[in-house]
PDB file of N, CA and C in Angstrom:
ATOM      1  N   GLU A   1      33.843 -56.993  93.439  1.00  0.00           N
ATOM      2  CA  GLU A   1      35.488 -56.982  93.423  1.00  0.00           C
ATOM      3  C   GLU A   1      36.484 -56.710  94.146  1.00  0.00           C
ATOM      4  N   SER A   2      36.567 -55.909  95.204  1.00  0.00           N
ATOM      5  CA  SER A   2      37.379 -55.839  96.181  1.00  0.00           C
ATOM      6  C   SER A   2      37.932 -57.611  96.791  1.00  0.00           C
ATOM      7  N   ALA A   3      36.804 -57.771  97.614  1.00  0.00           N
ATOM      8  CA  ALA A   3      36.519 -58.970  97.806  1.00  0.00           C
ATOM      9  C   ALA A   3      37.460 -60.448  97.042  1.00  0.00           C
ATOM     10  N   THR A   4      37.210 -60.415  95.915  1.00  0.00           N
ATOM     11  CA  THR A   4      37.969 -61.275  94.921  1.00  0.00           C
ATOM     12  C   THR A   4      39.699 -60.040  94.159  1.00  0.00           C
ATOM     13  N   SER A   5      40.168 -58.980  95.470  1.00  0.00           N
ATOM     14  CA  SER A   5      41.018 -58.883  94.409  1.00  0.00           C
ATOM     15  C   SER A   5      42.212 -59.448  95.174  1.00  0.00           C
ATOM     16  N   ARG A   6      41.683 -60.061  96.638  1.00  0.00           N
ATOM     17  CA  ARG A   6      42.807 -60.423  97.797  1.00  0.00           C
ATOM     18  C   ARG A   6      43.440 -61.668  96.905  1.00  0.00           C
ATOM     19  N   PRO A   7      44.376 -63.069  97.618  1.00  0.00           N
ATOM     20  CA  PRO A   7      45.246 -63.338  97.463  1.00  0.00           C
ATOM     21  C   PRO A   7      43.883 -65.057  97.690  1.00  0.00           C
ATOM     22  N   ALA A   8      43.421 -64.689  98.606  1.00  0.00           N
ATOM     23  CA  ALA A   8      42.335 -65.717  98.422  1.00  0.00           C
ATOM     24  C   ALA A   8      40.986 -65.393  99.127  1.00  0.00           C
ATOM     25  N   TRP A   9      40.018 -66.115  98.587  1.00  0.00           N
ATOM     26  CA  TRP A   9      38.697 -66.019  98.809  1.00  0.00           C
ATOM     27  C   TRP A   9      37.225 -66.942  99.169  1.00  0.00           C
ATOM     28  N   VAL A  10      36.362 -66.962  99.353  1.00  0.00           N
ATOM     29  CA  VAL A  10      35.474 -67.727  98.879  1.00  0.00           C
ATOM     30  C   VAL A  10      33.965 -67.626  99.000  1.00  0.00           C
ATOM     31  N   VAL A  11      33.645 -67.787  97.971  1.00  0.00           N
ATOM     32  CA  VAL A  11      31.746 -67.288  97.888  1.00  0.00           C
ATOM     33  C   VAL A  11      31.105 -67.701  98.489  1.00  0.00           C
ATOM     34  N   ASP A  12      30.313 -68.488  98.680  1.00  0.00           N
ATOM     35  CA  ASP A  12      29.168 -69.107  98.815  1.00  0.00           C
ATOM     36  C   ASP A  12      27.811 -68.569  98.009  1.00  0.00           C
ATOM     37  N   GLY A  13      27.188 -69.345  97.321  1.00  0.00           N
ATOM     38  CA  GLY A  13      26.115 -69.231  96.782  1.00  0.00           C
ATOM     39  C   GLY A  13      26.246 -69.283  94.894  1.00  0.00           C
ATOM     40  N   ASN A  14      25.073 -69.767  94.317  1.00  0.00           N
ATOM     41  CA  ASN A  14      25.470 -69.707  92.909  1.00  0.00           C
ATOM     42  C   ASN A  14      24.990 -68.912  91.935  1.00  0.00           C
ATOM     43  N   TYR A  15      24.970 -67.912  92.299  1.00  0.00           N
ATOM     44  CA  TYR A  15      24.455 -66.303  92.035  1.00  0.00           C
ATOM     45  C   TYR A  15      24.941 -65.598  90.299  1.00  0.00           C
ATOM     46  N   GLY A  16      23.965 -66.257  89.637  1.00  0.00           N
ATOM     47  CA  GLY A  16      24.204 -66.202  87.988  1.00  0.00           C
ATOM     48  C   GLY A  16      24.428 -65.095  88.067  1.00  0.00           C
ATOM     49  N   SER A  17      23.970 -63.929  87.954  1.00  0.00           N
ATOM     50  CA  SER A  17      23.840 -62.762  88.105  1.00  0.00           C
ATOM     51  C   SER A  17      25.345 -62.014  88.087  1.00  0.00           C
ATOM     52  N   VAL A  18      26.248 -62.975  89.143  1.00  0.00           N
ATOM     53  CA  VAL A  18      27.751 -62.462  89.107  1.00  0.00           C
ATOM     54  C   VAL A  18      28.893 -63.297  88.791  1.00  0.00           C
ATOM     55  N   ARG A  19      28.520 -64.628  88.029  1.00  0.00           N
ATOM     56  CA  ARG A  19      28.968 -65.288  87.707  1.00  0.00           C
ATOM     57  C   ARG A  19      30.569 -64.924  86.990  1.00  0.00           C
ATOM     58  N   GLU A  20      29.716 -64.632  85.870  1.00  0.00           N
ATOM     59  CA  GLU A  20      30.852 -63.334  84.741  1.00  0.00           C
ATOM     60  C   GLU A  20      32.383 -62.814  85.412  1.00  0.00           C
ATOM     61  N   GLN A  21      31.478 -62.183  87.064  1.00  0.00           N
ATOM     62  CA  GLN A  21      33.259 -62.101  87.452  1.00  0.00           C
ATOM     63  C   GLN A  21      33.470 -61.999  87.964  1.00  0.00           C
ATOM     64  N   LEU A  22      33.166 -63.371  88.801  1.00  0.00           N
ATOM     65  CA  LEU A  22      33.379 -64.062  89.560  1.00  0.00           C
ATOM     66  C   LEU A  22      34.547 -66.270  89.365  1.00  0.00           C
ATOM     67  N   TRP A  23      33.614 -66.478  88.592  1.00  0.00           N
ATOM     68  CA  TRP A  23      33.973 -67.754  88.007  1.00  0.00           C
ATOM     69  C   TRP A  23      35.322 -67.416  87.341  1.00  0.00           C
ATOM     70  N   PRO A  24      35.892 -66.478  86.542  1.00  0.00           N
ATOM     71  CA  PRO A  24      37.004 -66.377  85.709  1.00  0.00           C
ATOM     72  C   PRO A  24      38.439 -66.037  86.870  1.00  0.00           C
ATOM     73  N   LYS A  25      37.710 -65.587  87.679  1.00  0.00           N
ATOM     74  CA  LYS A  25      39.302 -65.661  89.228  1.00  0.00           C
ATOM     75  C   LYS A  25      39.500 -66.169  89.964  1.00  0.00           C
ATOM     76  N   ALA A  26      38.131 -67.742  89.539  1.00  0.00           N
ATOM     77  CA  ALA A  26      37.845 -68.760  90.804  1.00  0.00           C
ATOM     78  C   ALA A  26      39.172 -69.569  89.778  1.00  0.00           C
ATOM     79  N   ASN A  27      39.207 -70.922  90.845  1.00  0.00           N
ATOM     80  CA  ASN A  27      40.346 -71.805  90.846  1.00  0.00           C
ATOM     81  C   ASN A  27      39.354 -72.942  91.001  1.00  0.00           C
ATOM     82  N   VAL A  28      38.462 -73.506  91.616  1.00  0.00           N
ATOM     83  CA  VAL A  28      37.267 -74.465  92.360  1.00  0.00           C
ATOM     84  C   VAL A  28      36.240 -73.750  92.984  1.00  0.00           C
ATOM     85  N   VAL A  29      35.549 -75.017  92.136  1.00  0.00           N
ATOM     86  CA  VAL A  29      34.001 -74.679  92.316  1.00  0.00           C
ATOM     87  C   VAL A  29      33.072 -76.500  92.981  1.00  0.00           C
ATOM     88  N   ILE A  30      32.961 -75.932  94.425  1.00  0.00           N
ATOM     89  CA  ILE A  30      32.804 -77.109  95.463  1.00  0.00           C
ATOM     90  C   ILE A  30      30.748 -77.351  94.831  1.00  0.00           C
ATOM     91  N   TRP A  31      30.441 -78.150  94.086  1.00  0.00           N
ATOM     92  CA  TRP A  31      29.257 -79.069  94.219  1.00  0.00           C
ATOM     93  C   TRP A  31      28.939 -79.200  95.203  1.00  0.00           C
ATOM     94  N   LEU A  32      27.118 -78.943  95.647  1.00  0.00           N
ATOM     95  CA  LEU A  32      26.520 -79.443  96.431  1.00  0.00           C
ATOM     96  C   LEU A  32      25.790 -80.071  95.595  1.00  0.00           C
ATOM     97  N   ASN A  33      25.707 -81.254  94.885  1.00  0.00           N
ATOM     98  CA  ASN A  33      24.851 -81.409  94.026  1.00  0.00           C
ATOM     99  C   ASN A  33      23.806 -82.497  94.488  1.00  0.00           C
ATOM    100  N   TYR A  34      23.639 -82.052  95.616  1.00  0.00           N
ATOM    101  CA  TYR A  34      22.360 -83.307  96.538  1.00  0.00           C
ATOM    102  C   TYR A  34      21.106 -83.396  95.874  1.00  0.00           C
ATOM    103  N   SER A  35      20.575 -84.801  96.021  1.00  0.00           N
ATOM    104  CA  SER A  35      19.221 -84.760  95.307  1.00  0.00           C
ATOM    105  C   SER A  35      18.555 -84.114  95.667  1.00  0.00           C
ATOM    106  N   LEU A  36      16.849 -83.726  95.122  1.00  0.00           N
ATOM    107  CA  LEU A  36      15.708 -83.251  96.064  1.00  0.00           C
ATOM    108  C   LEU A  36      15.261 -83.661  97.026  1.00  0.00           C
ATOM    109  N   PRO A  37      15.658 -84.424  97.483  1.00  0.00           N
ATOM    110  CA  PRO A  37      14.600 -85.010  98.575  1.00  0.00           C
ATOM    111  C   PRO A  37      15.560 -84.460  99.863  1.00  0.00           C
ATOM    112  N   VAL A  38      17.294 -84.441  99.583  1.00  0.00           N
ATOM    113  CA  VAL A  38      17.744 -83.674 100.649  1.00  0.00           C
ATOM    114  C   VAL A  38      18.085 -82.082 100.847  1.00  0.00           C
ATOM    115  N   VAL A  39      17.593 -82.159  99.776  1.00  0.00           N
ATOM    116  CA  VAL A  39      17.288 -80.247  99.622  1.00  0.00           C
ATOM    117  C   VAL A  39      16.221 -79.696 100.173  1.00  0.00           C
ATOM    118  N   PHE A  40      14.890 -80.469  99.710  1.00  0.00           N
ATOM    119  CA  PHE A  40      13.937 -80.670  99.614  1.00  0.00           C
ATOM    120  C   PHE A  40      14.065 -80.843 101.702  1.00  0.00           C
ATOM    121  N   TRP A  41      14.210 -81.441 102.580  1.00  0.00           N
ATOM    122  CA  TRP A  41      14.072 -81.852 103.321  1.00  0.00           C
ATOM    123  C   TRP A  41      14.815 -80.863 104.270  1.00  0.00           C
ATOM    124  N   ARG A  42      16.179 -80.136 103.705  1.00  0.00           N
ATOM    125  CA  ARG A  42      17.054 -79.378 104.668  1.00  0.00           C
ATOM    126  C   ARG A  42      16.423 -78.323 104.531  1.00  0.00           C
ATOM    127  N   GLY A  43      15.413 -77.617 103.024  1.00  0.00           N
ATOM    128  CA  GLY A  43      14.431 -76.398 103.060  1.00  0.00           C
ATOM    129  C   GLY A  43      13.817 -76.161 104.094  1.00  0.00           C
ATOM    130  N   LEU A  44      13.011 -77.542 104.417  1.00  0.00           N
ATOM    131  CA  LEU A  44      11.588 -77.520 104.747  1.00  0.00           C
ATOM    132  C   LEU A  44      11.899 -77.405 106.577  1.00  0.00           C
ATOM    133  N   LYS A  45      13.072 -77.861 107.125  1.00  0.00           N
ATOM    134  CA  LYS A  45      12.997 -78.440 108.103  1.00  0.00           C
ATOM    135  C   LYS A  45      14.053 -76.673 109.077  1.00  0.00           C
ATOM    136  N   ARG A  46      14.741 -76.217 107.887  1.00  0.00           N
ATOM    137  CA  ARG A  46      15.052 -74.930 108.873  1.00  0.00           C
ATOM    138  C   ARG A  46      13.640 -73.963 107.884  1.00  0.00           C
ATOM    139  N   THR A  47      13.131 -73.687 107.464  1.00  0.00           N
ATOM    140  CA  THR A  47      11.629 -72.958 106.840  1.00  0.00           C
ATOM    141  C   THR A  47      11.022 -72.729 107.976  1.00  0.00           C
ATOM    142  N   LEU A  48      10.259 -74.277 108.780  1.00  0.00           N
ATOM    143  CA  LEU A  48      10.150 -74.637 109.732  1.00  0.00           C
ATOM    144  C   LEU A  48      10.539 -74.225 110.928  1.00  0.00           C
ATOM    145  N   LEU A  49      11.328 -73.976 111.319  1.00  0.00           N
ATOM    146  CA  LEU A  49      12.311 -73.362 112.278  1.00  0.00           C
ATOM    147  C   LEU A  49      12.397 -72.098 112.344  1.00  0.00           C
ATOM    148  N   ARG A  50      13.259 -71.360 110.975  1.00  0.00           N
ATOM    149  CA  ARG A  50      12.868 -70.228 111.270  1.00  0.00           C
ATOM    150  C   ARG A  50      11.632 -69.259 111.402  1.00  0.00           C
ATOM    151  N   ALA A  51      10.222 -70.179 110.712  1.00  0.00           N
ATOM    152  CA  ALA A  51       8.898 -69.531 110.621  1.00  0.00           C
ATOM    153  C   ALA A  51       8.451 -69.832 112.009  1.00  0.00           C
ATOM    154  N   ALA A  52       9.192 -70.666 113.168  1.00  0.00           N
ATOM    155  CA  ALA A  52       8.789 -70.717 114.650  1.00  0.00           C
ATOM    156  C   ALA A  52       9.213 -69.984 115.479  1.00  0.00           C
ATOM    157  N   THR A  53      10.559 -69.867 115.413  1.00  0.00           N
ATOM    158  CA  THR A  53      11.220 -68.735 116.194  1.00  0.00           C
ATOM    159  C   THR A  53      11.208 -67.430 115.592  1.00  0.00           C
ATOM    160  N   ARG A  54      10.683 -66.913 114.140  1.00  0.00           N
ATOM    161  CA  ARG A  54      10.990 -65.689 113.989  1.00  0.00           C
ATOM    162  C   ARG A  54      11.825 -65.331 113.713  1.00  0.00           C
ATOM    163  N   GLN A  55      12.444 -65.974 112.808  1.00  0.00           N
ATOM    164  CA  GLN A  55      13.922 -65.674 113.216  1.00  0.00           C
ATOM    165  C   GLN A  55      14.399 -63.572 112.778  1.00  0.00           C
ATOM    166  N   GLU A  56      15.089 -63.549 113.038  1.00  0.00           N
ATOM    167  CA  GLU A  56      15.326 -62.198 111.312  1.00  0.00           C
ATOM    168  C   GLU A  56      16.366 -63.024 110.872  1.00  0.00           C
ATOM    169  N   LEU A  57      16.234 -62.773 109.309  1.00  0.00           N
ATOM    170  CA  LEU A  57      17.286 -63.528 108.342  1.00  0.00           C
ATOM    171  C   LEU A  57      18.109 -62.058 107.957  1.00  0.00           C
ATOM    172  N   TRP A  58      17.522 -61.122 107.235  1.00  0.00           N
ATOM    173  CA  TRP A  58      18.412 -60.046 107.225  1.00  0.00           C
ATOM    174  C   TRP A  58      17.367 -59.060 107.010  1.00  0.00           C
ATOM    175  N   HIS A  59      17.905 -57.792 107.437  1.00  0.00           N
ATOM    176  CA  HIS A  59      16.816 -56.105 107.339  1.00  0.00           C
ATOM    177  C   HIS A  59      15.425 -56.215 107.682  1.00  0.00           C
ATOM    178  N   GLY A  60      15.498 -57.256 108.854  1.00  0.00           N
ATOM    179  CA  GLY A  60      14.574 -57.371 109.729  1.00  0.00           C
ATOM    180  C   GLY A  60      13.754 -58.772 108.969  1.00  0.00           C
ATOM    181  N   ASN A  61      13.790 -58.497 107.570  1.00  0.00           N
ATOM    182  CA  ASN A  61      13.207 -59.567 107.282  1.00  0.00           C
ATOM    183  C   ASN A  61      12.540 -61.188 107.882  1.00  0.00           C
ATOM    184  N   ARG A  62      11.821 -62.057 107.817  1.00  0.00           N
ATOM    185  CA  ARG A  62      11.629 -63.218 108.629  1.00  0.00           C
ATOM    186  C   ARG A  62      10.764 -64.484 108.257  1.00  0.00           C
ATOM    187  N   GLU A  63      11.102 -65.324 107.616  1.00  0.00           N
ATOM    188  CA  GLU A  63       9.618 -66.675 107.500  1.00  0.00           C
ATOM    189  C   GLU A  63       9.238 -66.714 108.290  1.00  0.00           C
ATOM    190  N   SER A  64       7.571 -66.720 106.929  1.00  0.00           N
ATOM    191  CA  SER A  64       6.681 -67.282 108.248  1.00  0.00           C
ATOM    192  C   SER A  64       5.523 -68.833 107.414  1.00  0.00           C
ATOM    193  N   PHE A  65       4.636 -68.990 107.983  1.00  0.00           N
ATOM    194  CA  PHE A  65       3.933 -70.048 107.599  1.00  0.00           C
ATOM    195  C   PHE A  65       3.382 -70.355 106.696  1.00  0.00           C
ATOM    196  N   ARG A  66       3.010 -68.647 106.475  1.00  0.00           N
ATOM    197  CA  ARG A  66       1.803 -68.887 105.200  1.00  0.00           C
ATOM    198  C   ARG A  66       2.642 -67.803 104.050  1.00  0.00           C
ATOM    199  N   ARG A  67       3.472 -67.519 103.922  1.00  0.00           N
ATOM    200  CA  ARG A  67       5.040 -67.861 103.165  1.00  0.00           C
ATOM    201  C   ARG A  67       5.318 -68.671 102.836  1.00  0.00           C
ATOM    202  N   ALA A  68       5.920 -69.506 104.117  1.00  0.00           N
ATOM    203  CA  ALA A  68       6.360 -70.691 103.241  1.00  0.00           C
ATOM    204  C   ALA A  68       5.300 -71.737 102.500  1.00  0.00           C
ATOM    205  N   PHE A  69       4.116 -71.980 103.513  1.00  0.00           N
ATOM    206  CA  PHE A  69       3.597 -72.943 103.244  1.00  0.00           C
ATOM    207  C   PHE A  69       2.328 -72.445 101.463  1.00  0.00           C
ATOM    208  N   LEU A  70       1.746 -70.993 101.806  1.00  0.00           N
ATOM    209  CA  LEU A  70       0.539 -70.716 100.724  1.00  0.00           C
ATOM    210  C   LEU A  70       1.164 -69.595 100.114  1.00  0.00           C
ATOM    211  N   SER A  71       1.946 -69.435  99.893  1.00  0.00           N
ATOM    212  CA  SER A  71       2.465 -68.040  98.718  1.00  0.00           C
ATOM    213  C   SER A  71       3.294 -68.271  97.363  1.00  0.00           C
ATOM    214  N   ARG A  72       3.359 -68.137  96.551  1.00  0.00           N
ATOM    215  CA  ARG A  72       4.287 -67.953  94.978  1.00  0.00           C
ATOM    216  C   ARG A  72       5.871 -67.839  95.039  1.00  0.00           C
ATOM    217  N   GLU A  73       6.066 -67.012  96.343  1.00  0.00           N
ATOM    218  CA  GLU A  73       7.575 -66.794  96.673  1.00  0.00           C
ATOM    219  C   GLU A  73       7.943 -68.020  98.363  1.00  0.00           C
ATOM    220  N   SER A  74       7.549 -68.451  98.011  1.00  0.00           N
ATOM    221  CA  SER A  74       8.006 -69.663  99.164  1.00  0.00           C
ATOM    222  C   SER A  74       9.157 -70.406  98.402  1.00  0.00           C
ATOM    223  N   ILE A  75      10.156 -70.105  99.721  1.00  0.00           N
ATOM    224  CA  ILE A  75      11.052 -71.239  99.189  1.00  0.00           C
ATOM    225  C   ILE A  75      10.897 -72.782  98.666  1.00  0.00           C
ATOM    226  N   LEU A  76      10.169 -73.262  99.739  1.00  0.00           N
ATOM    227  CA  LEU A  76      10.366 -74.516  98.777  1.00  0.00           C
ATOM    228  C   LEU A  76       9.178 -74.454  97.958  1.00  0.00           C
ATOM    229  N   LEU A  77       8.468 -73.729  97.654  1.00  0.00           N
ATOM    230  CA  LEU A  77       8.128 -74.187  95.800  1.00  0.00           C
ATOM    231  C   LEU A  77       9.444 -73.607  95.681  1.00  0.00           C
ATOM    232  N   TRP A  78      10.077 -72.786  95.637  1.00  0.00           N
ATOM    233  CA  TRP A  78      11.555 -72.350  94.677  1.00  0.00           C
ATOM    234  C   TRP A  78      12.035 -73.581  94.501  1.00  0.00           C
ATOM    235  N   ILE A  79      12.540 -74.538  95.502  1.00  0.00           N
ATOM    236  CA  ILE A  79      13.257 -75.462  95.492  1.00  0.00           C
ATOM    237  C   ILE A  79      12.586 -76.494  94.533  1.00  0.00           C
ATOM    238  N   LEU A  80      11.735 -76.640  94.599  1.00  0.00           N
ATOM    239  CA  LEU A  80      10.638 -77.583  93.849  1.00  0.00           C
ATOM    240  C   LEU A  80      10.551 -77.173  91.812  1.00  0.00           C
ATOM    241  N   THR A  81      10.980 -76.316  92.209  1.00  0.00           N
ATOM    242  CA  THR A  81      11.202 -75.759  90.828  1.00  0.00           C
ATOM    243  C   THR A  81      11.848 -75.533  90.323  1.00  0.00           C
ATOM    244  N   THR A  82      12.458 -75.404  90.583  1.00  0.00           N
ATOM    245  CA  THR A  82      14.322 -75.185  90.086  1.00  0.00           C
ATOM    246  C   THR A  82      15.664 -75.819  90.735  1.00  0.00           C
ATOM    247  N   HIS A  83      15.474 -76.910  91.227  1.00  0.00           N
ATOM    248  CA  HIS A  83      16.051 -78.247  91.080  1.00  0.00           C
ATOM    249  C   HIS A  83      16.848 -78.913  90.602  1.00  0.00           C
ATOM    250  N   ALA A  84      15.832 -79.597  89.481  1.00  0.00           N
ATOM    251  CA  ALA A  84      16.457 -80.359  88.656  1.00  0.00           C
ATOM    252  C   ALA A  84      16.809 -79.143  87.655  1.00  0.00           C
ATOM    253  N   ARG A  85      16.015 -78.023  87.348  1.00  0.00           N
ATOM    254  CA  ARG A  85      17.065 -77.294  85.561  1.00  0.00           C
ATOM    255  C   ARG A  85      18.509 -76.646  86.426  1.00  0.00           C
ATOM    256  N   ARG A  86      18.236 -76.292  87.972  1.00  0.00           N
ATOM    257  CA  ARG A  86      19.795 -75.288  88.347  1.00  0.00           C
ATOM    258  C   ARG A  86      20.928 -76.925  88.500  1.00  0.00           C
ATOM    259  N   THR A  87      20.630 -77.976  88.042  1.00  0.00           N
ATOM    260  CA  THR A  87      21.193 -79.444  87.889  1.00  0.00           C
ATOM    261  C   THR A  87      21.614 -79.501  86.516  1.00  0.00           C
ATOM    262  N   ARG A  88      20.661 -79.831  85.670  1.00  0.00           N
ATOM    263  CA  ARG A  88      20.824 -79.615  84.253  1.00  0.00           C
ATOM    264  C   ARG A  88      22.013 -78.228  83.999  1.00  0.00           C
ATOM    265  N   GLU A  89      21.916 -77.414  84.857  1.00  0.00           N
ATOM    266  CA  GLU A  89      22.359 -75.666  84.274  1.00  0.00           C
ATOM    267  C   GLU A  89      24.156 -75.754  84.609  1.00  0.00           C
ATOM    268  N   PHE A  90      24.398 -76.839  85.539  1.00  0.00           N
ATOM    269  CA  PHE A  90      25.761 -76.295  86.799  1.00  0.00           C
ATOM    270  C   PHE A  90      26.692 -78.178  85.753  1.00  0.00           C
ATOM    271  N   LYS A  91      25.837 -78.960  85.010  1.00  0.00           N
ATOM    272  CA  LYS A  91      26.127 -79.944  84.180  1.00  0.00           C
ATOM    273  C   LYS A  91      26.888 -79.497  82.913  1.00  0.00           C
ATOM    274  N   ALA A  92      25.948 -78.698  82.709  1.00  0.00           N
ATOM    275  CA  ALA A  92      26.516 -78.377  81.750  1.00  0.00           C
ATOM    276  C   ALA A  92      27.172 -77.057  81.188  1.00  0.00           C
ATOM    277  N   LEU A  93      27.581 -76.625  82.170  1.00  0.00           N
ATOM    278  CA  LEU A  93      28.481 -75.733  82.219  1.00  0.00           C
ATOM    279  C   LEU A  93      29.903 -76.698  83.279  1.00  0.00           C
ATOM    280  N   ARG A  94      29.798 -77.280  83.789  1.00  0.00           N
ATOM    281  CA  ARG A  94      30.997 -78.118  84.158  1.00  0.00           C
ATOM    282  C   ARG A  94      31.395 -79.217  82.332  1.00  0.00           C
ATOM    283  N   ALA A  95      30.618 -79.458  82.120  1.00  0.00           N
ATOM    284  CA  ALA A  95      31.215 -79.723  80.330  1.00  0.00           C
ATOM    285  C   ALA A  95      31.335 -78.593  79.637  1.00  0.00           C
ATOM    286  N   SER A  96      31.280 -77.018  79.844  1.00  0.00           N
ATOM    287  CA  SER A  96      31.199 -76.472  78.741  1.00  0.00           C
ATOM    288  C   SER A  96      33.308 -76.689  78.833  1.00  0.00           C
ATOM    289  N   GLY A  97      33.479 -76.525  79.301  1.00  0.00           N
ATOM    290  CA  GLY A  97      35.166 -76.213  79.592  1.00  0.00           C
ATOM    291  C   GLY A  97      35.125 -74.003  79.629  1.00  0.00           C
ATOM    292  N   LYS A  98      34.297 -73.959  79.721  1.00  0.00           N
ATOM    293  CA  LYS A  98      33.859 -72.481  80.067  1.00  0.00           C
ATOM    294  C   LYS A  98      35.237 -71.417  80.757  1.00  0.00           C
ATOM    295  N   TYR A  99      34.849 -72.046  81.290  1.00  0.00           N
ATOM    296  CA  TYR A  99      36.256 -72.096  82.734  1.00  0.00           C
ATOM    297  C   TYR A  99      37.422 -72.603  82.906  1.00  0.00           C
ATOM    298  N   SER A 100      38.375 -72.117  82.598  1.00  0.00           N
ATOM    299  CA  SER A 100      39.438 -73.335  84.238  1.00  0.00           C
ATOM    300  C   SER A 100      39.079 -73.691  85.381  1.00  0.00           C
ATOM    301  N   LEU A 101      38.123 -74.654  85.415  1.00  0.00           N
ATOM    302  CA  LEU A 101      38.070 -74.495  87.146  1.00  0.00           C
ATOM    303  C   LEU A 101      38.414 -75.926  87.227  1.00  0.00           C
ATOM    304  N   GLU A 102      38.568 -76.286  88.586  1.00  0.00           N
ATOM    305  CA  GLU A 102      38.671 -78.240  89.165  1.00  0.00           C
ATOM    306  C   GLU A 102      37.164 -77.828  90.043  1.00  0.00           C
ATOM    307  N   TRP A 103      36.410 -78.626  89.502  1.00  0.00           N
ATOM    308  CA  TRP A 103      35.000 -79.290  89.885  1.00  0.00           C
ATOM    309  C   TRP A 103      35.393 -80.201  91.024  1.00  0.00           C
ATOM    310  N   ILE A 104      34.829 -79.965  92.711  1.00  0.00           N
ATOM    311  CA  ILE A 104      34.409 -81.244  93.062  1.00  0.00           C
ATOM    312  C   ILE A 104      33.337 -81.026  93.453  1.00  0.00           C
ATOM    313  N   GLU A 105      32.804 -82.535  93.269  1.00  0.00           N
ATOM    314  CA  GLU A 105      31.026 -82.183  93.665  1.00  0.00           C
ATOM    315  C   GLU A 105      31.023 -83.797  94.086  1.00  0.00           C
ATOM    316  N   PHE A 106      30.458 -83.397  94.917  1.00  0.00           N
ATOM    317  CA  PHE A 106      29.736 -84.509  96.469  1.00  0.00           C
ATOM    318  C   PHE A 106      27.904 -84.704  96.084  1.00  0.00           C
ATOM    319  N   GLY A 107      27.735 -85.728  96.267  1.00  0.00           N
ATOM    320  CA  GLY A 107      25.802 -85.913  96.055  1.00  0.00           C
ATOM    321  C   GLY A 107      25.402 -86.350  96.692  1.00  0.00           C
ATOM    322  N   SER A 108      26.252 -86.337  97.872  1.00  0.00           N
ATOM    323  CA  SER A 108      25.512 -86.515  99.801  1.00  0.00           C
ATOM    324  C   SER A 108      26.288 -85.755 100.306  1.00  0.00           C
ATOM    325  N   PRO A 109      25.291 -85.261 101.193  1.00  0.00           N
ATOM    326  CA  PRO A 109      26.314 -84.676 102.837  1.00  0.00           C
ATOM    327  C   PRO A 109      27.318 -85.722 103.207  1.00  0.00           C
ATOM    328  N   ARG A 110      27.348 -87.135 103.268  1.00  0.00           N
ATOM    329  CA  ARG A 110      28.351 -87.980 103.494  1.00  0.00           C
ATOM    330  C   ARG A 110      30.036 -87.872 103.001  1.00  0.00           C
ATOM    331  N   GLN A 111      29.130 -87.934 101.801  1.00  0.00           N
ATOM    332  CA  GLN A 111      31.174 -87.500 100.680  1.00  0.00           C
ATOM    333  C   GLN A 111      31.508 -85.759 101.103  1.00  0.00           C
ATOM    334  N   ALA A 112      30.003 -85.131 101.719  1.00  0.00           N
ATOM    335  CA  ALA A 112      31.877 -83.788 101.742  1.00  0.00           C
ATOM    336  C   ALA A 112      31.337 -83.766 103.518  1.00  0.00           C
ATOM    337  N   ARG A 113      30.568 -84.363 103.335  1.00  0.00           N
ATOM    338  CA  ARG A 113      31.396 -83.904 105.529  1.00  0.00           C
ATOM    339  C   ARG A 113      32.950 -85.649 105.286  1.00  0.00           C
ATOM    340  N   GLN A 114      33.121 -85.974 105.088  1.00  0.00           N
ATOM    341  CA  GLN A 114      34.145 -87.226 104.656  1.00  0.00           C
ATOM    342  C   GLN A 114      35.761 -86.374 103.801  1.00  0.00           C
ATOM    343  N   TRP A 115      35.138 -85.469 102.458  1.00  0.00           N
ATOM    344  CA  TRP A 115      36.331 -85.016 101.975  1.00  0.00           C
ATOM    345  C   TRP A 115      36.408 -83.375 103.133  1.00  0.00           C
ATOM    346  N   LEU A 116      35.592 -82.751 103.721  1.00  0.00           N
ATOM    347  CA  LEU A 116      35.813 -82.144 104.589  1.00  0.00           C
ATOM    348  C   LEU A 116      36.909 -82.716 105.782  1.00  0.00           C
ATOM    349  N   ALA A 117      37.049 -83.592 106.367  1.00  0.00           N
ATOM    350  CA  ALA A 117      37.079 -84.470 107.168  1.00  0.00           C
ATOM    351  C   ALA A 117      38.961 -84.477 107.235  1.00  0.00           C
ATOM    352  N   GLY A 118      39.218 -84.759 105.579  1.00  0.00           N
ATOM    353  CA  GLY A 118      40.113 -85.140 105.191  1.00  0.00           C
ATOM    354  C   GLY A 118      41.177 -84.039 104.564  1.00  0.00           C
ATOM    355  N   GLN A 119      39.782 -83.028 104.917  1.00  0.00           N
ATOM    356  CA  GLN A 119      41.085 -81.714 104.612  1.00  0.00           C
ATOM    357  C   GLN A 119      42.076 -80.839 105.905  1.00  0.00           C
ATOM    358  N   ALA A 120      40.974 -80.675 106.767  1.00  0.00           N
ATOM    359  CA  ALA A 120      41.139 -81.101 108.018  1.00  0.00           C
ATOM    360  C   ALA A 120      42.325 -81.838 108.557  1.00  0.00           C
ATOM    361  N   THR A 121      42.331 -82.959 108.663  1.00  0.00           N
ATOM    362  CA  THR A 121      43.584 -83.381 108.672  1.00  0.00           C
ATOM    363  C   THR A 121      45.074 -83.083 107.937  1.00  0.00           C
ATOM    364  N   ALA A 122      44.486 -82.948 106.290  1.00  0.00           N
ATOM    365  CA  ALA A 122      46.150 -82.037 106.009  1.00  0.00           C
ATOM    366  C   ALA A 122      46.106 -81.226 106.349  1.00  0.00           C
ATOM    367  N   ALA A 123      45.501 -80.319 106.859  1.00  0.00           N
ATOM    368  CA  ALA A 123      45.881 -79.016 107.203  1.00  0.00           C
ATOM    369  C   ALA A 123      46.384 -79.221 108.532  1.00  0.00           C
TER     370      ALA A 123
END
């Protein structure tokens, strides 16, 4: 609540549990609507790096090869089982008009990089 009471703010992530608190106060959604292969490949690379280096994520949590590949808690499994549902959910939210938001959607990392480069040039 305190973060969104400021004149300008940014939220990273798509947590449905706080959507009703955030989206009515927002004016733009930037949707990285990347394909499943892109999302999975990025998740796999991050997971392998974090498991190999034992990088701490938060509060002492670390990814492991066992958890990544042999667990129902695997982030890779989560990507595979939620990607299509999340895409449908966001398409429905956008089409609903429930929130008065400008939607900026990128279907590829290249599109996002080009847009960001344009924003930097404009600034």
